[in-house]
N, C-alpha and C. Protein backbone atom coordinates (compact mmCIF):
# COMPACT_ATOMS: atom_id res chain seq x y z
N MET A 1 216.69 6.13 161.12
CA MET A 1 217.00 4.92 161.84
C MET A 1 215.72 4.32 162.43
N LEU A 2 215.80 3.05 162.67
CA LEU A 2 214.69 2.35 163.30
C LEU A 2 214.82 2.51 164.81
N VAL A 3 213.79 3.02 165.45
CA VAL A 3 213.89 3.28 166.88
C VAL A 3 212.80 2.58 167.69
N GLU A 4 211.87 1.91 167.05
CA GLU A 4 210.83 1.19 167.76
C GLU A 4 210.95 -0.30 167.47
N GLU A 5 210.52 -1.10 168.44
CA GLU A 5 210.58 -2.55 168.27
C GLU A 5 209.26 -3.03 167.68
N PRO A 6 209.26 -3.42 166.41
CA PRO A 6 208.02 -3.87 165.79
C PRO A 6 207.69 -5.31 166.17
N PHE A 7 206.42 -5.61 166.30
CA PHE A 7 205.96 -6.98 166.51
C PHE A 7 205.03 -7.32 165.37
N GLY A 8 205.21 -8.48 164.79
CA GLY A 8 204.36 -8.89 163.68
C GLY A 8 205.19 -9.09 162.43
N PRO A 9 204.52 -9.40 161.37
CA PRO A 9 205.25 -9.62 160.11
C PRO A 9 205.66 -8.30 159.47
N VAL A 10 206.77 -7.75 159.96
CA VAL A 10 207.27 -6.47 159.46
C VAL A 10 208.68 -6.70 158.95
N LEU A 11 208.97 -6.17 157.78
CA LEU A 11 210.31 -6.30 157.21
C LEU A 11 210.85 -4.91 156.91
N PRO A 12 211.58 -4.32 157.86
CA PRO A 12 212.18 -3.02 157.56
C PRO A 12 213.37 -3.22 156.61
N VAL A 13 213.48 -2.35 155.64
CA VAL A 13 214.55 -2.44 154.66
C VAL A 13 215.28 -1.10 154.63
N MET A 14 216.60 -1.16 154.75
CA MET A 14 217.41 0.05 154.70
C MET A 14 218.60 -0.19 153.78
N PRO A 15 218.97 0.78 152.99
CA PRO A 15 220.14 0.60 152.12
C PRO A 15 221.44 0.66 152.93
N PHE A 16 222.45 -0.05 152.46
CA PHE A 16 223.77 0.00 153.08
C PHE A 16 224.80 -0.23 151.99
N GLU A 17 226.04 0.18 152.27
CA GLU A 17 227.09 0.03 151.28
C GLU A 17 228.10 -1.05 151.63
N THR A 18 228.30 -1.30 152.92
CA THR A 18 229.26 -2.32 153.34
C THR A 18 228.61 -3.19 154.41
N ILE A 19 229.15 -4.38 154.58
CA ILE A 19 228.63 -5.28 155.62
C ILE A 19 228.82 -4.67 157.02
N PRO A 20 229.99 -4.11 157.35
CA PRO A 20 230.11 -3.46 158.66
C PRO A 20 229.08 -2.35 158.87
N GLN A 21 228.77 -1.60 157.83
CA GLN A 21 227.75 -0.55 157.96
C GLN A 21 226.39 -1.17 158.22
N ALA A 22 226.06 -2.26 157.54
CA ALA A 22 224.78 -2.94 157.76
C ALA A 22 224.67 -3.43 159.19
N ILE A 23 225.74 -3.99 159.71
CA ILE A 23 225.74 -4.47 161.09
C ILE A 23 225.57 -3.30 162.05
N GLU A 24 226.27 -2.21 161.79
CA GLU A 24 226.15 -1.02 162.64
C GLU A 24 224.72 -0.48 162.63
N LEU A 25 224.09 -0.41 161.46
CA LEU A 25 222.70 0.05 161.38
C LEU A 25 221.77 -0.89 162.15
N ALA A 26 221.97 -2.19 161.99
CA ALA A 26 221.11 -3.16 162.68
C ALA A 26 221.27 -3.07 164.19
N ASN A 27 222.46 -2.78 164.65
CA ASN A 27 222.72 -2.70 166.09
C ASN A 27 222.46 -1.32 166.67
N SER A 28 222.01 -0.38 165.87
CA SER A 28 221.82 0.99 166.36
C SER A 28 220.52 1.19 167.11
N THR A 29 219.77 0.15 167.32
CA THR A 29 218.53 0.23 168.09
C THR A 29 218.76 -0.25 169.52
N ARG A 30 217.85 0.10 170.41
CA ARG A 30 217.94 -0.34 171.81
C ARG A 30 217.40 -1.76 171.98
N TYR A 31 216.90 -2.35 170.91
CA TYR A 31 216.24 -3.64 171.01
C TYR A 31 217.06 -4.73 170.33
N GLY A 32 216.80 -5.96 170.70
CA GLY A 32 217.55 -7.05 170.11
C GLY A 32 216.89 -8.40 170.32
N LEU A 33 215.63 -8.53 169.96
CA LEU A 33 214.96 -9.82 170.12
C LEU A 33 215.40 -10.78 169.03
N ALA A 34 215.27 -10.39 167.77
CA ALA A 34 215.64 -11.27 166.67
C ALA A 34 216.15 -10.45 165.50
N ALA A 35 216.99 -11.08 164.71
CA ALA A 35 217.52 -10.47 163.50
C ALA A 35 217.61 -11.55 162.44
N TYR A 36 217.62 -11.14 161.20
CA TYR A 36 217.64 -12.09 160.09
C TYR A 36 218.63 -11.63 159.03
N VAL A 37 219.28 -12.58 158.41
CA VAL A 37 220.19 -12.28 157.31
C VAL A 37 219.91 -13.28 156.19
N PHE A 38 219.89 -12.76 154.98
CA PHE A 38 219.67 -13.60 153.80
C PHE A 38 220.87 -13.43 152.88
N THR A 39 221.62 -14.49 152.69
CA THR A 39 222.83 -14.43 151.86
C THR A 39 223.20 -15.83 151.42
N GLY A 40 223.90 -15.91 150.31
CA GLY A 40 224.46 -17.17 149.84
C GLY A 40 225.94 -17.27 150.16
N SER A 41 226.50 -16.24 150.76
CA SER A 41 227.93 -16.18 151.06
C SER A 41 228.19 -16.61 152.50
N GLU A 42 229.03 -17.61 152.67
CA GLU A 42 229.38 -18.04 154.02
C GLU A 42 230.15 -16.96 154.77
N GLY A 43 230.99 -16.22 154.07
CA GLY A 43 231.76 -15.15 154.71
C GLY A 43 230.86 -14.04 155.24
N ILE A 44 229.90 -13.62 154.42
CA ILE A 44 228.95 -12.59 154.86
C ILE A 44 228.11 -13.14 156.00
N ARG A 45 227.62 -14.36 155.86
CA ARG A 45 226.82 -14.98 156.93
C ARG A 45 227.58 -14.95 158.25
N ASP A 46 228.81 -15.43 158.25
CA ASP A 46 229.59 -15.50 159.48
C ASP A 46 229.84 -14.13 160.08
N ALA A 47 230.17 -13.15 159.24
CA ALA A 47 230.44 -11.80 159.73
C ALA A 47 229.19 -11.18 160.35
N VAL A 48 228.06 -11.36 159.69
CA VAL A 48 226.82 -10.76 160.18
C VAL A 48 226.35 -11.46 161.45
N VAL A 49 226.38 -12.77 161.48
CA VAL A 49 225.95 -13.51 162.67
C VAL A 49 226.81 -13.12 163.87
N GLN A 50 228.12 -13.01 163.67
CA GLN A 50 229.01 -12.62 164.77
C GLN A 50 228.77 -11.17 165.21
N GLY A 51 228.46 -10.30 164.26
CA GLY A 51 228.35 -8.88 164.57
C GLY A 51 227.01 -8.42 165.10
N LEU A 52 225.93 -9.14 164.78
CA LEU A 52 224.60 -8.71 165.21
C LEU A 52 224.41 -8.89 166.70
N ARG A 53 223.81 -7.90 167.33
CA ARG A 53 223.47 -7.98 168.75
C ARG A 53 221.99 -8.29 168.84
N ALA A 54 221.68 -9.59 168.91
CA ALA A 54 220.30 -10.04 168.97
C ALA A 54 220.25 -11.39 169.67
N GLY A 55 219.12 -11.67 170.31
CA GLY A 55 218.96 -12.95 170.99
C GLY A 55 218.87 -14.12 170.03
N THR A 56 218.27 -13.91 168.89
CA THR A 56 218.12 -14.95 167.87
C THR A 56 218.51 -14.36 166.53
N VAL A 57 219.27 -15.11 165.75
CA VAL A 57 219.62 -14.68 164.40
C VAL A 57 219.19 -15.79 163.45
N GLY A 58 218.27 -15.48 162.54
CA GLY A 58 217.84 -16.42 161.53
C GLY A 58 218.67 -16.22 160.28
N VAL A 59 219.16 -17.31 159.71
CA VAL A 59 219.96 -17.24 158.49
C VAL A 59 219.18 -17.93 157.38
N ASN A 60 218.74 -17.16 156.41
CA ASN A 60 217.98 -17.65 155.26
C ASN A 60 216.67 -18.34 155.67
N VAL A 61 216.10 -17.94 156.79
CA VAL A 61 214.82 -18.48 157.25
C VAL A 61 213.99 -17.36 157.86
N LEU A 62 212.69 -17.54 157.85
CA LEU A 62 211.80 -16.60 158.53
C LEU A 62 211.02 -17.27 159.65
N GLU A 63 211.08 -18.59 159.73
CA GLU A 63 210.33 -19.30 160.76
C GLU A 63 210.90 -18.98 162.13
N GLY A 64 210.03 -19.01 163.12
CA GLY A 64 210.48 -18.87 164.49
C GLY A 64 211.08 -20.19 164.98
N VAL A 65 211.61 -20.16 166.16
CA VAL A 65 212.19 -21.36 166.74
C VAL A 65 211.12 -22.20 167.41
N THR A 66 211.39 -23.47 167.63
CA THR A 66 210.44 -24.36 168.29
C THR A 66 210.41 -24.10 169.79
N PRO A 67 209.34 -24.50 170.49
CA PRO A 67 209.20 -24.19 171.92
C PRO A 67 210.30 -24.77 172.81
N ASP A 68 210.96 -25.82 172.36
CA ASP A 68 212.00 -26.41 173.21
C ASP A 68 213.35 -25.70 173.10
N VAL A 69 213.43 -24.69 172.27
CA VAL A 69 214.66 -23.94 172.09
C VAL A 69 214.61 -22.70 172.98
N PRO A 70 215.68 -22.42 173.71
CA PRO A 70 215.66 -21.22 174.56
C PRO A 70 215.55 -19.95 173.72
N LEU A 71 214.71 -19.04 174.17
CA LEU A 71 214.46 -17.78 173.47
C LEU A 71 214.92 -16.66 174.38
N ASN A 72 215.72 -15.76 173.84
CA ASN A 72 216.17 -14.63 174.64
C ASN A 72 216.27 -13.38 173.79
N GLY A 73 216.23 -12.27 174.44
CA GLY A 73 216.47 -11.00 173.78
C GLY A 73 217.62 -10.31 174.47
N VAL A 74 218.09 -9.23 173.90
CA VAL A 74 219.15 -8.45 174.52
C VAL A 74 218.69 -7.00 174.64
N ASP A 75 219.38 -6.27 175.45
CA ASP A 75 219.08 -4.87 175.71
C ASP A 75 217.63 -4.73 176.17
N GLU A 76 216.84 -3.87 175.54
CA GLU A 76 215.47 -3.64 176.02
C GLU A 76 214.47 -4.68 175.49
N SER A 77 214.96 -5.71 174.83
CA SER A 77 214.08 -6.79 174.37
C SER A 77 214.07 -7.97 175.32
N GLY A 78 214.73 -7.84 176.43
CA GLY A 78 214.67 -8.91 177.42
C GLY A 78 216.00 -9.19 178.07
N TYR A 79 215.90 -10.02 179.08
CA TYR A 79 217.07 -10.41 179.84
C TYR A 79 216.87 -11.86 180.24
N GLY A 80 217.82 -12.69 179.97
CA GLY A 80 217.69 -14.10 180.32
C GLY A 80 217.00 -14.87 179.21
N PHE A 81 216.58 -16.09 179.55
CA PHE A 81 216.02 -17.00 178.56
C PHE A 81 214.62 -17.45 178.96
N GLU A 82 213.81 -17.75 177.95
CA GLU A 82 212.54 -18.45 178.12
C GLU A 82 212.64 -19.73 177.32
N GLY A 83 212.09 -20.81 177.84
CA GLY A 83 212.09 -22.07 177.12
C GLY A 83 213.42 -22.79 177.23
N GLY A 84 213.40 -24.08 176.94
CA GLY A 84 214.61 -24.88 176.99
C GLY A 84 215.14 -24.99 178.40
N ILE A 85 216.22 -25.70 178.56
CA ILE A 85 216.83 -25.88 179.88
C ILE A 85 217.33 -24.55 180.45
N GLU A 86 217.77 -23.64 179.58
CA GLU A 86 218.25 -22.34 180.05
C GLU A 86 217.14 -21.54 180.71
N GLY A 87 215.92 -21.62 180.16
CA GLY A 87 214.79 -20.94 180.78
C GLY A 87 214.41 -21.56 182.10
N PHE A 88 214.46 -22.88 182.18
CA PHE A 88 214.16 -23.58 183.43
C PHE A 88 215.16 -23.20 184.51
N ARG A 89 216.41 -23.09 184.14
CA ARG A 89 217.45 -22.77 185.12
C ARG A 89 217.28 -21.39 185.73
N SER A 90 216.60 -20.49 185.04
CA SER A 90 216.42 -19.16 185.60
C SER A 90 215.51 -19.19 186.83
N PHE A 91 214.77 -20.29 187.03
CA PHE A 91 213.92 -20.43 188.21
C PHE A 91 214.58 -21.24 189.32
N GLN A 92 215.78 -21.69 189.08
CA GLN A 92 216.49 -22.48 190.07
C GLN A 92 217.33 -21.59 190.96
N TYR A 93 217.53 -22.06 192.15
CA TYR A 93 218.44 -21.41 193.08
C TYR A 93 219.63 -22.35 193.23
N LEU A 94 220.75 -21.95 192.68
CA LEU A 94 221.93 -22.78 192.72
C LEU A 94 222.81 -22.37 193.90
N LYS A 95 223.37 -23.37 194.55
CA LYS A 95 224.21 -23.08 195.70
C LYS A 95 225.47 -23.92 195.61
N LEU A 96 226.60 -23.31 195.80
CA LEU A 96 227.86 -24.02 195.86
C LEU A 96 228.14 -24.34 197.31
N ILE A 97 228.43 -25.59 197.60
CA ILE A 97 228.77 -26.00 198.96
C ILE A 97 230.18 -26.56 198.95
N HIS A 98 231.02 -25.99 199.74
CA HIS A 98 232.40 -26.44 199.85
C HIS A 98 232.60 -26.93 201.26
N ARG A 99 233.07 -28.17 201.41
CA ARG A 99 233.25 -28.71 202.76
C ARG A 99 234.43 -29.65 202.80
N ARG A 100 234.88 -29.93 204.02
CA ARG A 100 235.97 -30.89 204.23
C ARG A 100 235.47 -32.08 204.98
């Protein structure tokens, strides 16, 4: 199993027999910054995108997201968002005021 979070142009490849098994293998790490799926099947795409535990899921692409898009990781790859309005909101102090 993959147990370290690689940074850089690394493409780990592991064999699998079913889509649920592939999702389970992908989610078996403590990290979840980004994941990628390459398929021509809408059904496989939808199942994998829904099942993967990652902050970003690329479908048939390897490019990163643009700076105006919020970037987040899950588990030990981060908490919260960077970039976009979601990242800005993490620096705000929101207060609910209820009055009569």
